[in-house]
């Protein structure tokens, strides 16, 4: 069964708790979403609060994928650029699919739903994201038509002696 996507859902305690649980579970399953396992919901909470604050200020939007039982199963946060010369593209952050739903095509569905949503944003011509090298996720994004446009070697330190590239990818929307 497919996910049901909603752009800019109301921020409720259920949504908050669903995203917190998803973020911790994705992180603990090895997902490169800003943390290194092990993490708890409380470790993730300050980052989600920052995302919600950006949403409240109109700087960020949220796309949520719900499973057939109405649970948060996927997310993508879309951030507008504040720089006046870069307002024609957006950043994509915290792209996650619940580990229990991986392998079902939901990641590809999330990326397509995100691109479709952003195409409806006034004046936006492209989506830019970064991903952690050494995870293979860049190949997934490439399969969704994102192109690698830059790489900063060793920019992400996940542990002493384990530095990863920061890979910059872009999806033109035209």
N, C-alpha and C. Protein backbone atom coordinates (compact mmCIF):
# COMPACT_ATOMS: atom_id res chain seq x y z
N UNK A 1 0.84 -1.19 0.00
CA UNK A 1 0.00 0.00 0.00
C UNK A 1 0.88 1.24 0.00
N UNK A 2 0.50 2.25 -0.72
CA UNK A 2 1.29 3.47 -0.86
C UNK A 2 1.13 4.40 0.34
N UNK A 3 2.09 5.28 0.47
CA UNK A 3 2.00 6.32 1.49
C UNK A 3 1.06 7.42 1.00
N UNK A 4 0.47 8.12 1.96
CA UNK A 4 -0.34 9.30 1.67
C UNK A 4 0.47 10.50 2.12
N UNK A 5 0.71 11.44 1.20
CA UNK A 5 1.56 12.59 1.51
C UNK A 5 0.72 13.83 1.81
N UNK A 6 1.22 14.62 2.76
CA UNK A 6 0.57 15.88 3.10
C UNK A 6 1.64 16.94 3.26
N UNK A 7 1.46 18.04 2.54
CA UNK A 7 2.35 19.19 2.64
C UNK A 7 1.82 20.12 3.73
N UNK A 8 2.70 20.56 4.59
CA UNK A 8 2.37 21.51 5.66
C UNK A 8 1.24 21.02 6.56
N UNK A 9 1.37 19.80 7.12
CA UNK A 9 0.33 19.34 8.03
C UNK A 9 0.33 20.18 9.30
N UNK A 10 -0.79 20.23 10.00
CA UNK A 10 -0.80 20.96 11.28
C UNK A 10 0.17 20.30 12.26
N UNK A 11 0.91 21.13 12.98
CA UNK A 11 1.85 20.60 13.96
C UNK A 11 1.07 20.28 15.23
N UNK A 12 0.91 19.01 15.47
CA UNK A 12 0.18 18.51 16.63
C UNK A 12 1.13 17.67 17.48
N UNK A 13 0.76 17.36 18.70
CA UNK A 13 1.60 16.46 19.49
C UNK A 13 1.81 15.10 18.79
N UNK A 14 0.80 14.60 18.11
CA UNK A 14 0.95 13.31 17.42
C UNK A 14 1.98 13.42 16.29
N UNK A 15 1.94 14.52 15.53
CA UNK A 15 2.92 14.71 14.47
C UNK A 15 4.31 14.83 15.07
N UNK A 16 4.45 15.67 16.08
CA UNK A 16 5.75 15.85 16.75
C UNK A 16 6.31 14.52 17.22
N UNK A 17 5.49 13.76 17.93
CA UNK A 17 5.96 12.48 18.46
C UNK A 17 6.28 11.49 17.34
N UNK A 18 5.49 11.53 16.27
CA UNK A 18 5.74 10.64 15.14
C UNK A 18 7.06 10.95 14.45
N UNK A 19 7.35 12.23 14.27
CA UNK A 19 8.62 12.62 13.63
C UNK A 19 9.79 12.30 14.55
N UNK A 20 9.64 12.58 15.84
CA UNK A 20 10.71 12.26 16.79
C UNK A 20 11.04 10.76 16.76
N UNK A 21 10.02 9.94 16.80
CA UNK A 21 10.24 8.48 16.79
C UNK A 21 10.88 8.06 15.47
N UNK A 22 10.37 8.59 14.36
CA UNK A 22 10.92 8.26 13.05
C UNK A 22 12.39 8.65 12.98
N UNK A 23 12.72 9.86 13.39
CA UNK A 23 14.08 10.37 13.30
C UNK A 23 15.04 9.51 14.13
N UNK A 24 14.63 9.14 15.34
CA UNK A 24 15.47 8.29 16.18
C UNK A 24 15.64 6.90 15.56
N UNK A 25 14.55 6.33 15.06
CA UNK A 25 14.62 4.99 14.48
C UNK A 25 15.47 4.98 13.21
N UNK A 26 15.32 5.97 12.36
CA UNK A 26 16.13 6.06 11.14
C UNK A 26 17.60 6.22 11.52
N UNK A 27 17.89 7.09 12.46
CA UNK A 27 19.27 7.29 12.90
C UNK A 27 19.86 6.01 13.45
N UNK A 28 19.11 5.32 14.29
CA UNK A 28 19.61 4.10 14.92
C UNK A 28 19.74 2.94 13.93
N UNK A 29 19.06 3.04 12.81
CA UNK A 29 19.19 2.02 11.76
C UNK A 29 20.35 2.36 10.81
N UNK A 30 21.06 3.46 11.09
CA UNK A 30 22.21 3.83 10.27
C UNK A 30 21.94 4.91 9.26
N UNK A 31 20.74 5.48 9.28
CA UNK A 31 20.41 6.56 8.36
C UNK A 31 21.23 7.80 8.66
N UNK A 32 21.69 8.47 7.62
CA UNK A 32 22.53 9.66 7.75
C UNK A 32 21.65 10.90 7.78
N UNK A 33 21.01 11.13 8.93
CA UNK A 33 20.10 12.27 9.07
C UNK A 33 20.53 13.16 10.24
N UNK A 34 21.84 13.39 10.33
CA UNK A 34 22.37 14.35 11.28
C UNK A 34 22.86 13.79 12.59
N UNK A 35 22.75 12.49 12.79
CA UNK A 35 23.17 11.87 14.03
C UNK A 35 23.98 10.61 13.73
N UNK A 36 24.70 10.14 14.76
CA UNK A 36 25.38 8.87 14.71
C UNK A 36 24.79 8.03 15.84
N UNK A 37 24.36 6.79 15.55
CA UNK A 37 23.74 5.99 16.60
C UNK A 37 24.72 5.67 17.73
N UNK A 38 24.18 5.43 18.90
CA UNK A 38 22.77 5.39 19.26
C UNK A 38 22.25 6.77 19.63
N UNK A 39 20.98 7.02 19.30
CA UNK A 39 20.32 8.26 19.69
C UNK A 39 18.96 7.94 20.30
N UNK A 40 18.48 8.87 21.09
CA UNK A 40 17.16 8.76 21.68
C UNK A 40 16.28 9.87 21.11
N UNK A 41 15.01 9.78 21.38
CA UNK A 41 14.07 10.83 21.00
C UNK A 41 14.52 12.16 21.61
N UNK A 42 15.03 12.12 22.82
CA UNK A 42 15.47 13.36 23.49
C UNK A 42 16.69 13.96 22.82
N UNK A 43 17.54 13.13 22.22
CA UNK A 43 18.69 13.66 21.47
C UNK A 43 18.21 14.41 20.23
N UNK A 44 17.16 13.91 19.62
CA UNK A 44 16.64 14.46 18.36
C UNK A 44 15.79 15.71 18.59
N UNK A 45 15.10 15.75 19.73
CA UNK A 45 14.12 16.81 20.00
C UNK A 45 14.63 18.23 19.69
N UNK A 46 15.84 18.64 20.13
CA UNK A 46 16.27 20.02 19.85
C UNK A 46 16.35 20.33 18.34
N UNK A 47 16.73 19.36 17.55
CA UNK A 47 16.79 19.58 16.10
C UNK A 47 15.40 19.74 15.51
N UNK A 48 14.46 18.93 15.99
CA UNK A 48 13.09 19.06 15.49
C UNK A 48 12.50 20.40 15.90
N UNK A 49 12.80 20.85 17.10
CA UNK A 49 12.32 22.16 17.54
C UNK A 49 12.84 23.26 16.61
N UNK A 50 14.09 23.15 16.18
CA UNK A 50 14.65 24.13 15.23
C UNK A 50 13.89 24.09 13.91
N UNK A 51 13.58 22.89 13.43
CA UNK A 51 12.81 22.76 12.19
C UNK A 51 11.42 23.38 12.36
N UNK A 52 10.75 23.08 13.46
CA UNK A 52 9.41 23.64 13.69
C UNK A 52 9.46 25.16 13.81
N UNK A 53 10.51 25.70 14.44
CA UNK A 53 10.64 27.16 14.55
C UNK A 53 10.80 27.77 13.16
N UNK A 54 11.60 27.14 12.31
CA UNK A 54 11.77 27.63 10.94
C UNK A 54 10.44 27.56 10.17
N UNK A 55 9.66 26.52 10.42
CA UNK A 55 8.34 26.41 9.79
C UNK A 55 7.44 27.55 10.26
N UNK A 56 7.43 27.80 11.56
CA UNK A 56 6.58 28.86 12.12
C UNK A 56 6.96 30.23 11.56
N UNK A 57 8.23 30.40 11.23
CA UNK A 57 8.71 31.67 10.68
C UNK A 57 8.57 31.74 9.16
N UNK A 58 8.06 30.68 8.54
CA UNK A 58 7.87 30.67 7.09
C UNK A 58 9.14 30.39 6.30
N UNK A 59 10.17 29.90 6.97
CA UNK A 59 11.44 29.61 6.30
C UNK A 59 11.56 28.16 5.86
N UNK A 60 10.65 27.32 6.32
CA UNK A 60 10.74 25.90 6.03
C UNK A 60 9.33 25.33 5.90
N UNK A 61 9.22 24.27 5.09
CA UNK A 61 7.95 23.57 4.93
C UNK A 61 8.20 22.09 5.13
N UNK A 62 7.14 21.36 5.41
CA UNK A 62 7.25 19.95 5.73
C UNK A 62 6.33 19.12 4.85
N UNK A 63 6.87 18.05 4.30
CA UNK A 63 6.08 17.05 3.60
C UNK A 63 6.16 15.77 4.43
N UNK A 64 4.99 15.24 4.80
CA UNK A 64 4.93 14.02 5.60
C UNK A 64 4.25 12.93 4.80
N UNK A 65 4.82 11.73 4.88
CA UNK A 65 4.19 10.55 4.31
C UNK A 65 3.62 9.71 5.44
N UNK A 66 2.34 9.42 5.35
CA UNK A 66 1.66 8.60 6.37
C UNK A 66 1.43 7.20 5.81
N UNK A 67 1.60 6.20 6.66
CA UNK A 67 1.31 4.83 6.22
C UNK A 67 -0.19 4.57 6.31
N UNK A 68 -0.59 3.35 5.95
CA UNK A 68 -2.01 3.02 5.89
C UNK A 68 -2.70 3.09 7.25
N UNK A 69 -1.92 3.08 8.32
CA UNK A 69 -2.49 3.20 9.67
C UNK A 69 -2.43 4.64 10.19
N UNK A 70 -2.01 5.57 9.33
CA UNK A 70 -1.97 6.97 9.72
C UNK A 70 -0.75 7.39 10.50
N UNK A 71 0.26 6.52 10.56
CA UNK A 71 1.49 6.85 11.29
C UNK A 71 2.48 7.58 10.37
N UNK A 72 3.29 8.44 10.97
CA UNK A 72 4.34 9.13 10.23
C UNK A 72 5.35 8.07 9.77
N UNK A 73 5.49 7.94 8.46
CA UNK A 73 6.39 6.93 7.89
C UNK A 73 7.51 7.55 7.08
N UNK A 74 7.39 8.82 6.73
CA UNK A 74 8.41 9.48 5.90
C UNK A 74 8.30 10.99 6.08
N UNK A 75 9.44 11.67 5.92
CA UNK A 75 9.44 13.13 5.98
C UNK A 75 10.46 13.70 5.01
N UNK A 76 10.22 14.93 4.63
CA UNK A 76 11.19 15.76 3.91
C UNK A 76 10.89 17.20 4.32
N UNK A 77 11.91 17.90 4.78
CA UNK A 77 11.78 19.31 5.14
C UNK A 77 12.39 20.14 4.02
N UNK A 78 11.66 21.13 3.56
CA UNK A 78 12.10 21.99 2.46
C UNK A 78 12.34 23.38 3.02
N UNK A 79 13.58 23.87 2.87
CA UNK A 79 13.94 25.18 3.42
C UNK A 79 14.19 26.17 2.30
N UNK A 80 13.57 27.35 2.45
CA UNK A 80 13.80 28.44 1.52
C UNK A 80 15.17 29.06 1.80
N UNK A 81 15.74 29.66 0.78
CA UNK A 81 17.00 30.38 0.94
C UNK A 81 16.72 31.79 1.43
N UNK A 82 17.52 32.24 2.37
CA UNK A 82 17.39 33.60 2.86
C UNK A 82 18.17 34.58 1.99
N UNK A 83 19.20 34.08 1.33
CA UNK A 83 20.05 34.96 0.52
C UNK A 83 19.30 35.46 -0.71
N UNK A 84 19.29 36.75 -0.90
CA UNK A 84 18.50 37.37 -1.98
C UNK A 84 18.89 36.89 -3.37
N UNK A 85 20.10 36.39 -3.57
CA UNK A 85 20.54 35.93 -4.88
C UNK A 85 20.30 34.44 -5.09
N UNK A 86 19.74 33.78 -4.09
CA UNK A 86 19.55 32.33 -4.18
C UNK A 86 18.11 31.91 -3.89
N UNK A 87 17.20 32.81 -4.05
CA UNK A 87 15.80 32.51 -3.73
C UNK A 87 15.11 31.64 -4.77
N UNK A 88 15.78 31.31 -5.86
CA UNK A 88 15.18 30.51 -6.92
C UNK A 88 15.38 29.00 -6.73
N UNK A 89 16.01 28.59 -5.63
CA UNK A 89 16.11 27.17 -5.31
C UNK A 89 15.94 26.97 -3.81
N UNK A 90 15.60 25.75 -3.42
CA UNK A 90 15.38 25.40 -2.01
C UNK A 90 16.32 24.28 -1.60
N UNK A 91 16.48 24.15 -0.29
CA UNK A 91 17.24 23.06 0.32
C UNK A 91 16.28 21.95 0.74
N UNK A 92 16.71 20.73 0.64
CA UNK A 92 15.96 19.58 1.14
C UNK A 92 16.72 18.98 2.31
N UNK A 93 16.05 18.86 3.46
CA UNK A 93 16.67 18.36 4.69
C UNK A 93 15.86 17.21 5.28
N UNK A 94 16.55 16.41 6.08
CA UNK A 94 15.92 15.40 6.93
C UNK A 94 14.93 14.54 6.13
N UNK A 95 15.45 13.97 5.07
CA UNK A 95 14.69 13.07 4.22
C UNK A 95 14.75 11.68 4.86
N UNK A 96 13.59 11.17 5.27
CA UNK A 96 13.58 9.90 6.01
C UNK A 96 12.40 9.03 5.60
N UNK A 97 12.66 7.73 5.57
CA UNK A 97 11.61 6.72 5.44
C UNK A 97 11.85 5.72 6.57
N UNK A 98 10.79 5.37 7.27
CA UNK A 98 10.90 4.43 8.39
C UNK A 98 11.60 3.15 7.93
N UNK A 99 12.55 2.65 8.73
CA UNK A 99 13.27 1.43 8.35
C UNK A 99 12.34 0.25 8.03
N UNK A 100 11.21 0.16 8.69
CA UNK A 100 10.26 -0.92 8.44
C UNK A 100 9.56 -0.81 7.10
N UNK A 101 9.67 0.36 6.47
CA UNK A 101 9.02 0.57 5.17
C UNK A 101 10.03 0.64 4.03
N UNK A 102 11.31 0.49 4.34
CA UNK A 102 12.30 0.58 3.28
C UNK A 102 12.24 -0.66 2.40
N UNK A 103 12.58 -0.46 1.14
CA UNK A 103 12.52 -1.55 0.17
C UNK A 103 11.17 -1.69 -0.51
N UNK A 104 10.26 -0.78 -0.21
CA UNK A 104 8.91 -0.81 -0.80
C UNK A 104 8.71 0.27 -1.86
N UNK A 105 9.76 1.02 -2.15
CA UNK A 105 9.63 2.11 -3.12
C UNK A 105 9.17 3.42 -2.50
N UNK A 106 9.03 3.45 -1.18
CA UNK A 106 8.53 4.66 -0.52
C UNK A 106 9.52 5.82 -0.59
N UNK A 107 10.82 5.52 -0.60
CA UNK A 107 11.81 6.59 -0.73
C UNK A 107 11.66 7.29 -2.07
N UNK A 108 11.49 6.52 -3.11
CA UNK A 108 11.29 7.09 -4.45
C UNK A 108 9.98 7.87 -4.49
N UNK A 109 8.93 7.33 -3.85
CA UNK A 109 7.65 8.04 -3.77
C UNK A 109 7.81 9.36 -3.03
N UNK A 110 8.57 9.36 -1.94
CA UNK A 110 8.81 10.58 -1.17
C UNK A 110 9.55 11.62 -2.01
N UNK A 111 10.56 11.20 -2.73
CA UNK A 111 11.32 12.14 -3.56
C UNK A 111 10.45 12.70 -4.68
N UNK A 112 9.61 11.87 -5.29
CA UNK A 112 8.70 12.35 -6.34
C UNK A 112 7.66 13.32 -5.77
N UNK A 113 7.10 12.98 -4.61
CA UNK A 113 6.10 13.85 -3.98
C UNK A 113 6.73 15.18 -3.58
N UNK A 114 7.97 15.14 -3.13
CA UNK A 114 8.67 16.38 -2.77
C UNK A 114 8.88 17.25 -4.00
N UNK A 115 9.37 16.66 -5.07
CA UNK A 115 9.58 17.44 -6.31
C UNK A 115 8.27 18.02 -6.81
N UNK A 116 7.20 17.22 -6.77
CA UNK A 116 5.89 17.71 -7.21
C UNK A 116 5.43 18.88 -6.34
N UNK A 117 5.61 18.77 -5.03
CA UNK A 117 5.20 19.84 -4.13
C UNK A 117 5.99 21.11 -4.41
N UNK A 118 7.30 20.97 -4.55
CA UNK A 118 8.15 22.14 -4.75
C UNK A 118 7.87 22.80 -6.09
N UNK A 119 7.49 22.03 -7.09
CA UNK A 119 7.13 22.63 -8.39
C UNK A 119 5.97 23.63 -8.22
N UNK A 120 5.19 23.46 -7.17
CA UNK A 120 4.09 24.39 -6.90
C UNK A 120 4.50 25.62 -6.12
N UNK A 121 5.75 25.70 -5.69
CA UNK A 121 6.24 26.88 -4.96
C UNK A 121 6.59 27.96 -5.97
N UNK A 122 6.13 29.15 -5.75
CA UNK A 122 6.34 30.27 -6.66
C UNK A 122 7.83 30.59 -6.84
N UNK A 123 8.30 30.56 -8.08
CA UNK A 123 9.66 30.99 -8.41
C UNK A 123 10.77 30.01 -8.13
N UNK A 124 10.45 28.80 -7.70
CA UNK A 124 11.50 27.84 -7.37
C UNK A 124 11.83 27.00 -8.60
N UNK A 125 13.12 26.94 -8.91
CA UNK A 125 13.58 26.26 -10.12
C UNK A 125 14.38 24.99 -9.85
N UNK A 126 14.80 24.77 -8.60
CA UNK A 126 15.63 23.60 -8.32
C UNK A 126 15.58 23.26 -6.84
N UNK A 127 15.95 22.01 -6.55
CA UNK A 127 16.08 21.52 -5.18
C UNK A 127 17.53 21.09 -5.00
N UNK A 128 18.10 21.50 -3.89
CA UNK A 128 19.49 21.15 -3.57
C UNK A 128 19.49 20.39 -2.25
N UNK A 129 20.34 19.38 -2.16
CA UNK A 129 20.50 18.65 -0.90
C UNK A 129 21.96 18.26 -0.74
N UNK A 130 22.30 17.89 0.47
CA UNK A 130 23.61 17.31 0.72
C UNK A 130 23.39 15.96 1.36
N UNK A 131 24.35 15.07 1.14
CA UNK A 131 24.27 13.75 1.76
C UNK A 131 25.67 13.30 2.17
N UNK A 132 25.69 12.37 3.10
CA UNK A 132 26.93 11.85 3.67
C UNK A 132 27.51 10.78 2.76
N UNK A 133 28.76 10.99 2.36
CA UNK A 133 29.44 9.98 1.57
C UNK A 133 29.64 8.69 2.35
N UNK A 134 29.87 7.61 1.61
CA UNK A 134 30.14 6.32 2.24
C UNK A 134 28.89 5.56 2.63
N UNK A 135 27.72 6.12 2.35
CA UNK A 135 26.47 5.45 2.71
C UNK A 135 25.76 4.85 1.50
N UNK A 136 26.12 5.31 0.30
CA UNK A 136 25.44 4.86 -0.91
C UNK A 136 24.18 5.64 -1.22
N UNK A 137 23.78 6.53 -0.34
CA UNK A 137 22.54 7.28 -0.55
C UNK A 137 22.64 8.19 -1.77
N UNK A 138 23.86 8.60 -2.11
CA UNK A 138 24.02 9.44 -3.30
C UNK A 138 23.58 8.70 -4.56
N UNK A 139 23.77 7.39 -4.61
CA UNK A 139 23.30 6.60 -5.75
C UNK A 139 21.78 6.59 -5.81
N UNK A 140 21.14 6.52 -4.64
CA UNK A 140 19.67 6.59 -4.61
C UNK A 140 19.20 7.93 -5.15
N UNK A 141 19.78 9.03 -4.66
CA UNK A 141 19.36 10.35 -5.14
C UNK A 141 19.63 10.49 -6.64
N UNK A 142 20.74 9.96 -7.12
CA UNK A 142 21.03 10.01 -8.55
C UNK A 142 19.95 9.26 -9.33
N UNK A 143 19.45 8.16 -8.78
CA UNK A 143 18.39 7.41 -9.46
C UNK A 143 17.07 8.18 -9.48
N UNK A 144 16.98 9.22 -8.65
CA UNK A 144 15.80 10.11 -8.62
C UNK A 144 16.07 11.38 -9.41
N UNK A 145 17.07 11.36 -10.28
CA UNK A 145 17.42 12.44 -11.20
C UNK A 145 18.19 13.60 -10.58
N UNK A 146 18.66 13.45 -9.33
CA UNK A 146 19.55 14.45 -8.76
C UNK A 146 20.94 14.24 -9.35
N UNK A 147 21.65 15.33 -9.57
CA UNK A 147 23.01 15.27 -10.12
C UNK A 147 23.98 15.76 -9.07
N UNK A 148 25.10 15.06 -8.92
CA UNK A 148 26.15 15.54 -8.03
C UNK A 148 26.76 16.78 -8.66
N UNK A 149 26.79 17.87 -7.89
CA UNK A 149 27.34 19.13 -8.38
C UNK A 149 28.51 19.61 -7.54
N UNK A 150 28.85 18.88 -6.49
CA UNK A 150 29.98 19.25 -5.66
C UNK A 150 30.23 18.22 -4.58
N UNK A 151 31.45 18.28 -4.03
CA UNK A 151 31.83 17.34 -2.99
C UNK A 151 32.91 17.99 -2.15
N UNK A 152 32.73 17.94 -0.84
CA UNK A 152 33.75 18.44 0.07
C UNK A 152 34.34 17.22 0.79
N UNK A 153 35.56 16.84 0.43
CA UNK A 153 36.16 15.64 1.03
C UNK A 153 36.35 15.78 2.54
N UNK A 154 35.96 14.73 3.25
CA UNK A 154 36.21 14.66 4.69
C UNK A 154 35.50 15.70 5.52
N UNK A 155 34.43 16.29 5.03
CA UNK A 155 33.76 17.39 5.74
C UNK A 155 32.91 16.92 6.91
N UNK A 156 32.53 15.65 6.92
CA UNK A 156 31.64 15.13 7.97
C UNK A 156 32.42 14.12 8.81
N UNK A 157 32.59 14.42 10.09
CA UNK A 157 33.31 13.52 10.99
C UNK A 157 32.29 12.75 11.81
N UNK A 158 32.11 11.47 11.51
CA UNK A 158 31.15 10.65 12.23
C UNK A 158 31.79 9.97 13.44
N UNK A 159 33.12 9.87 13.43
CA UNK A 159 33.86 9.32 14.57
C UNK A 159 35.34 9.64 14.34
N UNK A 160 36.13 9.53 15.38
CA UNK A 160 37.57 9.74 15.21
C UNK A 160 38.08 8.79 14.14
N UNK A 161 38.76 9.35 13.14
CA UNK A 161 39.30 8.55 12.06
C UNK A 161 38.29 8.13 11.01
N UNK A 162 37.05 8.62 11.11
CA UNK A 162 36.01 8.28 10.13
C UNK A 162 35.38 9.56 9.60
N UNK A 163 36.05 10.15 8.63
CA UNK A 163 35.56 11.36 7.99
C UNK A 163 34.91 10.99 6.66
N UNK A 164 33.78 11.61 6.36
CA UNK A 164 33.04 11.31 5.14
C UNK A 164 32.93 12.57 4.29
N UNK A 165 32.77 12.35 2.99
CA UNK A 165 32.55 13.47 2.08
C UNK A 165 31.15 14.04 2.27
N UNK A 166 31.03 15.34 2.08
CA UNK A 166 29.73 16.01 2.03
C UNK A 166 29.42 16.17 0.54
N UNK A 167 28.42 15.44 0.06
CA UNK A 167 28.09 15.41 -1.36
C UNK A 167 26.92 16.36 -1.61
N UNK A 168 27.09 17.26 -2.56
CA UNK A 168 26.06 18.25 -2.89
C UNK A 168 25.37 17.80 -4.18
N UNK A 169 24.05 17.72 -4.13
CA UNK A 169 23.28 17.25 -5.28
C UNK A 169 22.18 18.24 -5.61
N UNK A 170 21.79 18.28 -6.89
CA UNK A 170 20.83 19.26 -7.37
C UNK A 170 19.83 18.59 -8.31
N UNK A 171 18.57 18.97 -8.16
CA UNK A 171 17.51 18.54 -9.07
C UNK A 171 16.89 19.78 -9.72
N UNK A 172 17.22 20.05 -10.99
CA UNK A 172 16.51 21.14 -11.69
C UNK A 172 15.05 20.72 -11.90
N UNK A 173 14.14 21.65 -11.73
CA UNK A 173 12.71 21.32 -11.82
C UNK A 173 12.11 21.64 -13.18
N UNK A 174 12.88 22.14 -14.10
CA UNK A 174 12.35 22.48 -15.44
C UNK A 174 12.85 21.49 -16.45
